[in-house]
Amino acid sequence: MSPELHLQMIDNRAIELRKEAADYRRARQAETARKSRSTGGHRRSLFGKIIPA
């Protein structure tokens, strides 16, 4: 295998891995946001200060 082809394969694989990592990170952030919304999260009203979440 020529060095140029090998380098191109490495570059393509690195791009694929970065994309997978970004997708995974985005999915994890969405999951934590969904969980924080379902547990009530932070309340921004007077009742939120009186009644704990």
N, C-alpha and C. Protein backbone atom coordinates (compact mmCIF):
# COMPACT_ATOMS: atom_id res chain seq x y z
N MET A 1 0.85 -1.17 0.00
CA MET A 1 0.00 0.00 0.00
C MET A 1 0.89 1.24 0.00
N SER A 2 0.56 2.18 -0.83
CA SER A 2 1.38 3.38 -0.93
C SER A 2 1.17 4.26 0.30
N PRO A 3 2.18 5.03 0.66
CA PRO A 3 2.07 5.90 1.85
C PRO A 3 0.93 6.93 1.71
N GLU A 4 0.70 7.42 0.49
CA GLU A 4 -0.36 8.41 0.30
C GLU A 4 -1.73 7.79 0.57
N LEU A 5 -1.92 6.58 0.07
CA LEU A 5 -3.19 5.89 0.29
C LEU A 5 -3.39 5.57 1.77
N HIS A 6 -2.32 5.15 2.42
CA HIS A 6 -2.40 4.83 3.84
C HIS A 6 -2.74 6.08 4.64
N LEU A 7 -2.12 7.20 4.33
CA LEU A 7 -2.40 8.45 5.03
C LEU A 7 -3.85 8.89 4.79
N GLN A 8 -4.34 8.72 3.57
CA GLN A 8 -5.71 9.08 3.26
C GLN A 8 -6.69 8.20 4.05
N MET A 9 -6.39 6.91 4.18
CA MET A 9 -7.24 6.02 4.96
C MET A 9 -7.25 6.43 6.44
N ILE A 10 -6.10 6.79 6.96
CA ILE A 10 -6.01 7.23 8.35
C ILE A 10 -6.83 8.51 8.55
N ASP A 11 -6.71 9.45 7.63
CA ASP A 11 -7.46 10.71 7.72
C ASP A 11 -8.96 10.45 7.67
N ASN A 12 -9.40 9.59 6.77
CA ASN A 12 -10.82 9.28 6.67
C ASN A 12 -11.34 8.63 7.95
N ARG A 13 -10.56 7.72 8.50
CA ARG A 13 -10.98 7.05 9.74
C ARG A 13 -11.03 8.04 10.89
N ALA A 14 -10.09 8.95 10.95
CA ALA A 14 -10.09 9.96 12.01
C ALA A 14 -11.33 10.85 11.90
N ILE A 15 -11.72 11.20 10.69
CA ILE A 15 -12.92 12.01 10.48
C ILE A 15 -14.15 11.24 10.93
N GLU A 16 -14.23 9.95 10.58
CA GLU A 16 -15.36 9.12 11.00
C GLU A 16 -15.45 9.02 12.52
N LEU A 17 -14.31 8.84 13.18
CA LEU A 17 -14.30 8.72 14.63
C LEU A 17 -14.72 10.03 15.30
N ARG A 18 -14.27 11.15 14.76
CA ARG A 18 -14.68 12.44 15.31
C ARG A 18 -16.18 12.66 15.17
N LYS A 19 -16.73 12.25 14.04
CA LYS A 19 -18.17 12.39 13.82
C LYS A 19 -18.95 11.49 14.79
N GLU A 20 -18.50 10.27 14.97
CA GLU A 20 -19.16 9.36 15.92
C GLU A 20 -19.09 9.93 17.33
N ALA A 21 -17.96 10.48 17.71
CA ALA A 21 -17.81 11.06 19.04
C ALA A 21 -18.74 12.26 19.23
N ALA A 22 -18.86 13.08 18.20
CA ALA A 22 -19.76 14.23 18.29
C ALA A 22 -21.21 13.78 18.40
N ASP A 23 -21.59 12.77 17.65
CA ASP A 23 -22.96 12.24 17.72
C ASP A 23 -23.24 11.67 19.11
N TYR A 24 -22.28 10.93 19.64
CA TYR A 24 -22.44 10.34 20.96
C TYR A 24 -22.55 11.43 22.03
N ARG A 25 -21.70 12.45 21.92
CA ARG A 25 -21.72 13.56 22.87
C ARG A 25 -23.07 14.28 22.82
N ARG A 26 -23.57 14.50 21.61
CA ARG A 26 -24.86 15.19 21.44
C ARG A 26 -25.99 14.35 22.04
N ALA A 27 -25.93 13.04 21.86
CA ALA A 27 -26.96 12.16 22.42
C ALA A 27 -26.90 12.17 23.94
N ARG A 28 -25.72 12.16 24.51
CA ARG A 28 -25.58 12.21 25.96
C ARG A 28 -26.10 13.53 26.52
N GLN A 29 -25.80 14.64 25.85
CA GLN A 29 -26.29 15.94 26.30
C GLN A 29 -27.81 16.00 26.24
N ALA A 30 -28.39 15.45 25.18
CA ALA A 30 -29.85 15.43 25.06
C ALA A 30 -30.46 14.58 26.17
N GLU A 31 -29.84 13.46 26.48
CA GLU A 31 -30.35 12.58 27.53
C GLU A 31 -30.29 13.28 28.90
N THR A 32 -29.19 13.94 29.22
CA THR A 32 -29.09 14.63 30.50
C THR A 32 -30.06 15.80 30.56
N ALA A 33 -30.28 16.49 29.45
CA ALA A 33 -31.25 17.59 29.43
C ALA A 33 -32.66 17.04 29.65
N ARG A 34 -32.97 15.92 29.03
CA ARG A 34 -34.30 15.31 29.20
C ARG A 34 -34.50 14.89 30.65
N LYS A 35 -33.48 14.31 31.25
CA LYS A 35 -33.60 13.87 32.64
C LYS A 35 -33.75 15.06 33.58
N SER A 36 -33.03 16.13 33.33
CA SER A 36 -33.12 17.29 34.22
C SER A 36 -34.49 17.95 34.09
N ARG A 37 -35.09 17.92 32.90
CA ARG A 37 -36.43 18.49 32.73
C ARG A 37 -37.47 17.62 33.42
N SER A 38 -37.29 16.31 33.39
CA SER A 38 -38.28 15.41 33.96
C SER A 38 -38.26 15.44 35.49
N THR A 39 -37.15 15.80 36.09
CA THR A 39 -37.07 15.84 37.55
C THR A 39 -37.48 17.19 38.10
N GLY A 40 -37.90 18.09 37.27
CA GLY A 40 -38.34 19.38 37.75
C GLY A 40 -37.33 20.47 37.44
N GLY A 41 -36.08 20.15 37.57
CA GLY A 41 -35.05 21.14 37.27
C GLY A 41 -35.10 22.32 38.22
N HIS A 42 -34.65 23.45 37.76
CA HIS A 42 -34.64 24.66 38.56
C HIS A 42 -35.93 25.44 38.31
N ARG A 43 -36.55 25.84 39.39
CA ARG A 43 -37.76 26.65 39.25
C ARG A 43 -37.36 28.11 39.39
N ARG A 44 -38.02 28.95 38.62
CA ARG A 44 -37.65 30.37 38.61
C ARG A 44 -38.80 31.25 39.10
N SER A 45 -39.53 30.77 40.03
CA SER A 45 -40.63 31.57 40.55
C SER A 45 -40.50 31.71 42.05
N LEU A 46 -41.42 32.46 42.61
CA LEU A 46 -41.44 32.61 44.06
C LEU A 46 -41.68 31.26 44.71
N PHE A 47 -42.56 30.45 44.13
CA PHE A 47 -42.83 29.13 44.69
C PHE A 47 -41.61 28.22 44.60
N GLY A 48 -40.78 28.44 43.62
CA GLY A 48 -39.56 27.65 43.50
C GLY A 48 -38.60 27.93 44.64
N LYS A 49 -38.67 29.15 45.18
CA LYS A 49 -37.81 29.49 46.30
C LYS A 49 -38.38 28.95 47.61
N ILE A 50 -39.69 28.87 47.67
CA ILE A 50 -40.34 28.39 48.89
C ILE A 50 -40.39 26.87 48.91
N ILE A 51 -40.82 26.27 47.80
CA ILE A 51 -41.00 24.83 47.70
C ILE A 51 -39.77 24.24 47.02
N PRO A 52 -39.01 23.36 47.70
CA PRO A 52 -37.83 22.78 47.04
C PRO A 52 -38.23 21.87 45.88
N ALA A 53 -37.36 21.79 44.92
CA ALA A 53 -37.63 20.98 43.71
C ALA A 53 -37.54 19.51 44.02
